[in-house]
Amino acid sequence: MGKYNVSIFNIAHSVGKIADLVDTQLTGHNKRVAYIAGIIARELNMTAKEQDEIVLAGLIHDIGELSGQERADLLEFKGCNGNIHAERGYKWCNVECQK
């Protein structure tokens, strides 16, 4: 089998496109988060490597939320529920990233 040279950004972008196909209500959400995070990183004068890592994190920040219902739940940004989205991502990452 041949070797492939694929950018991690291309993989992350593809995962985001798959998530967008599951439910179109949040289409492009990961790209918007990545863009905003990249702008903030640049304004904070982070290194180019750090900026790349921040953008990548923005692209994949909802990777554990691929089912239609989970993505629909992300639309619940009302009142005191506004932090649920961030908390779920944080908890998922703490579990998955420790493996």
C-alpha atoms as a PDB file:
ATOM      1  CA  MET A   1       0.000   0.000   0.000  1.00  0.00           C
ATOM      2  CA  GLY A   2       1.337   3.458  -0.901  1.00  0.00           C
ATOM      3  CA  LYS A   3       2.177   6.185   1.544  1.00  0.00           C
ATOM      4  CA  TYR A   4       0.065   9.307   1.697  1.00  0.00           C
ATOM      5  CA  ASN A   5       1.044  12.803   2.724  1.00  0.00           C
ATOM      6  CA  VAL A   6      -2.111  14.440   4.075  1.00  0.00           C
ATOM      7  CA  SER A   7      -2.281  17.674   6.020  1.00  0.00           C
ATOM      8  CA  ILE A   8      -3.826  17.464   9.495  1.00  0.00           C
ATOM      9  CA  PHE A   9      -5.761  20.601   8.541  1.00  0.00           C
ATOM     10  CA  ASN A  10      -7.270  18.780   5.544  1.00  0.00           C
ATOM     11  CA  ILE A  11      -8.321  15.916   7.792  1.00  0.00           C
ATOM     12  CA  ALA A  12      -9.859  18.298  10.352  1.00  0.00           C
ATOM     13  CA  HIS A  13     -11.651  20.198   7.579  1.00  0.00           C
ATOM     14  CA  SER A  14     -13.032  16.912   6.203  1.00  0.00           C
ATOM     15  CA  VAL A  15     -14.325  15.851   9.625  1.00  0.00           C
ATOM     16  CA  GLY A  16     -16.088  19.208   9.867  1.00  0.00           C
ATOM     17  CA  LYS A  17     -17.691  18.690   6.459  1.00  0.00           C
ATOM     18  CA  ILE A  18     -18.947  15.273   7.565  1.00  0.00           C
ATOM     19  CA  ALA A  19     -20.449  16.805  10.702  1.00  0.00           C
ATOM     20  CA  ASP A  20     -22.121  19.465   8.532  1.00  0.00           C
ATOM     21  CA  LEU A  21     -23.740  16.708   6.464  1.00  0.00           C
ATOM     22  CA  VAL A  22     -25.202  15.125   9.605  1.00  0.00           C
ATOM     23  CA  ASP A  23     -27.105  18.297  10.463  1.00  0.00           C
ATOM     24  CA  THR A  24     -27.108  21.496   8.414  1.00  0.00           C
ATOM     25  CA  GLN A  25     -28.272  23.758  11.270  1.00  0.00           C
ATOM     26  CA  LEU A  26     -24.686  24.310  12.402  1.00  0.00           C
ATOM     27  CA  THR A  27     -23.018  24.267   8.987  1.00  0.00           C
ATOM     28  CA  GLY A  28     -19.609  25.920   9.129  1.00  0.00           C
ATOM     29  CA  HIS A  29     -19.636  26.310  12.931  1.00  0.00           C
ATOM     30  CA  ASN A  30     -16.202  24.712  13.290  1.00  0.00           C
ATOM     31  CA  LYS A  31     -14.747  26.975  10.593  1.00  0.00           C
ATOM     32  CA  ARG A  32     -16.123  30.090  12.269  1.00  0.00           C
ATOM     33  CA  VAL A  33     -14.700  29.018  15.635  1.00  0.00           C
ATOM     34  CA  ALA A  34     -11.315  28.266  14.025  1.00  0.00           C
ATOM     35  CA  TYR A  35     -11.266  31.648  12.268  1.00  0.00           C
ATOM     36  CA  ILE A  36     -12.123  33.606  15.408  1.00  0.00           C
ATOM     37  CA  ALA A  37      -9.608  31.619  17.474  1.00  0.00           C
ATOM     38  CA  GLY A  38      -6.929  32.285  14.840  1.00  0.00           C
ATOM     39  CA  ILE A  39      -7.613  36.027  14.887  1.00  0.00           C
ATOM     40  CA  ILE A  40      -7.412  36.075  18.693  1.00  0.00           C
ATOM     41  CA  ALA A  41      -4.164  34.073  18.635  1.00  0.00           C
ATOM     42  CA  ARG A  42      -2.665  36.497  16.117  1.00  0.00           C
ATOM     43  CA  GLU A  43      -3.739  39.507  18.192  1.00  0.00           C
ATOM     44  CA  LEU A  44      -2.081  37.899  21.224  1.00  0.00           C
ATOM     45  CA  ASN A  45       1.152  37.666  19.192  1.00  0.00           C
ATOM     46  CA  MET A  46       1.326  33.902  19.509  1.00  0.00           C
ATOM     47  CA  THR A  47       3.935  32.131  17.402  1.00  0.00           C
ATOM     48  CA  ALA A  48       2.918  30.790  13.988  1.00  0.00           C
ATOM     49  CA  LYS A  49       3.006  27.247  15.391  1.00  0.00           C
ATOM     50  CA  GLU A  50       0.764  28.221  18.300  1.00  0.00           C
ATOM     51  CA  GLN A  51      -1.634  29.973  15.923  1.00  0.00           C
ATOM     52  CA  ASP A  52      -1.797  26.838  13.759  1.00  0.00           C
ATOM     53  CA  GLU A  53      -2.532  24.723  16.839  1.00  0.00           C
ATOM     54  CA  ILE A  54      -5.287  27.114  17.959  1.00  0.00           C
ATOM     55  CA  VAL A  55      -6.898  27.051  14.499  1.00  0.00           C
ATOM     56  CA  LEU A  56      -6.690  23.258  14.420  1.00  0.00           C
ATOM     57  CA  ALA A  57      -8.295  23.073  17.866  1.00  0.00           C
ATOM     58  CA  GLY A  58     -11.118  25.278  16.602  1.00  0.00           C
ATOM     59  CA  LEU A  59     -11.667  23.002  13.612  1.00  0.00           C
ATOM     60  CA  ILE A  60     -12.015  19.878  15.752  1.00  0.00           C
ATOM     61  CA  HIS A  61     -13.460  21.296  18.973  1.00  0.00           C
ATOM     62  CA  ASP A  62     -16.812  19.528  18.445  1.00  0.00           C
ATOM     63  CA  ILE A  63     -15.431  16.276  17.097  1.00  0.00           C
ATOM     64  CA  GLY A  64     -17.274  14.267  19.746  1.00  0.00           C
ATOM     65  CA  GLU A  65     -20.629  15.810  18.772  1.00  0.00           C
ATOM     66  CA  LEU A  66     -21.283  14.064  15.464  1.00  0.00           C
ATOM     67  CA  SER A  67     -24.804  12.715  15.961  1.00  0.00           C
ATOM     68  CA  GLY A  68     -27.741  14.792  14.795  1.00  0.00           C
ATOM     69  CA  GLN A  69     -29.205  15.058  18.297  1.00  0.00           C
ATOM     70  CA  GLU A  70     -25.909  16.107  19.864  1.00  0.00           C
ATOM     71  CA  ARG A  71     -25.440  18.807  17.239  1.00  0.00           C
ATOM     72  CA  ALA A  72     -29.033  19.955  17.754  1.00  0.00           C
ATOM     73  CA  ASP A  73     -28.334  20.196  21.481  1.00  0.00           C
ATOM     74  CA  LEU A  74     -25.526  22.648  20.695  1.00  0.00           C
ATOM     75  CA  LEU A  75     -28.161  25.118  19.518  1.00  0.00           C
ATOM     76  CA  GLU A  76     -29.335  25.519  23.129  1.00  0.00           C
ATOM     77  CA  PHE A  77     -27.353  28.658  23.978  1.00  0.00           C
ATOM     78  CA  LYS A  78     -30.094  30.311  26.046  1.00  0.00           C
ATOM     79  CA  GLY A  79     -29.718  31.724  29.540  1.00  0.00           C
ATOM     80  CA  CYS A  80     -27.630  29.748  31.993  1.00  0.00           C
ATOM     81  CA  ASN A  81     -27.220  26.879  29.493  1.00  0.00           C
ATOM     82  CA  GLY A  82     -24.680  28.919  27.503  1.00  0.00           C
ATOM     83  CA  ASN A  83     -21.709  27.084  29.014  1.00  0.00           C
ATOM     84  CA  ILE A  84     -23.015  23.563  28.386  1.00  0.00           C
ATOM     85  CA  HIS A  85     -21.423  23.492  24.931  1.00  0.00           C
ATOM     86  CA  ALA A  86     -17.974  24.377  26.287  1.00  0.00           C
ATOM     87  CA  GLU A  87     -18.284  22.093  29.313  1.00  0.00           C
ATOM     88  CA  ARG A  88     -19.248  19.051  27.230  1.00  0.00           C
ATOM     89  CA  GLY A  89     -16.298  19.622  24.906  1.00  0.00           C
ATOM     90  CA  TYR A  90     -13.950  20.084  27.837  1.00  0.00           C
ATOM     91  CA  LYS A  91     -15.139  16.895  29.551  1.00  0.00           C
ATOM     92  CA  TRP A  92     -14.936  14.878  26.328  1.00  0.00           C
ATOM     93  CA  CYS A  93     -11.409  16.094  25.665  1.00  0.00           C
ATOM     94  CA  ASN A  94     -10.275  15.333  29.208  1.00  0.00           C
ATOM     95  CA  VAL A  95     -11.477  11.748  28.823  1.00  0.00           C
ATOM     96  CA  GLU A  96     -10.376  11.146  25.233  1.00  0.00           C
ATOM     97  CA  CYS A  97      -7.095  13.050  25.371  1.00  0.00           C
ATOM     98  CA  GLN A  98      -5.950  11.121  28.436  1.00  0.00           C
ATOM     99  CA  LYS A  99      -6.142   7.784  26.589  1.00  0.00           C
END
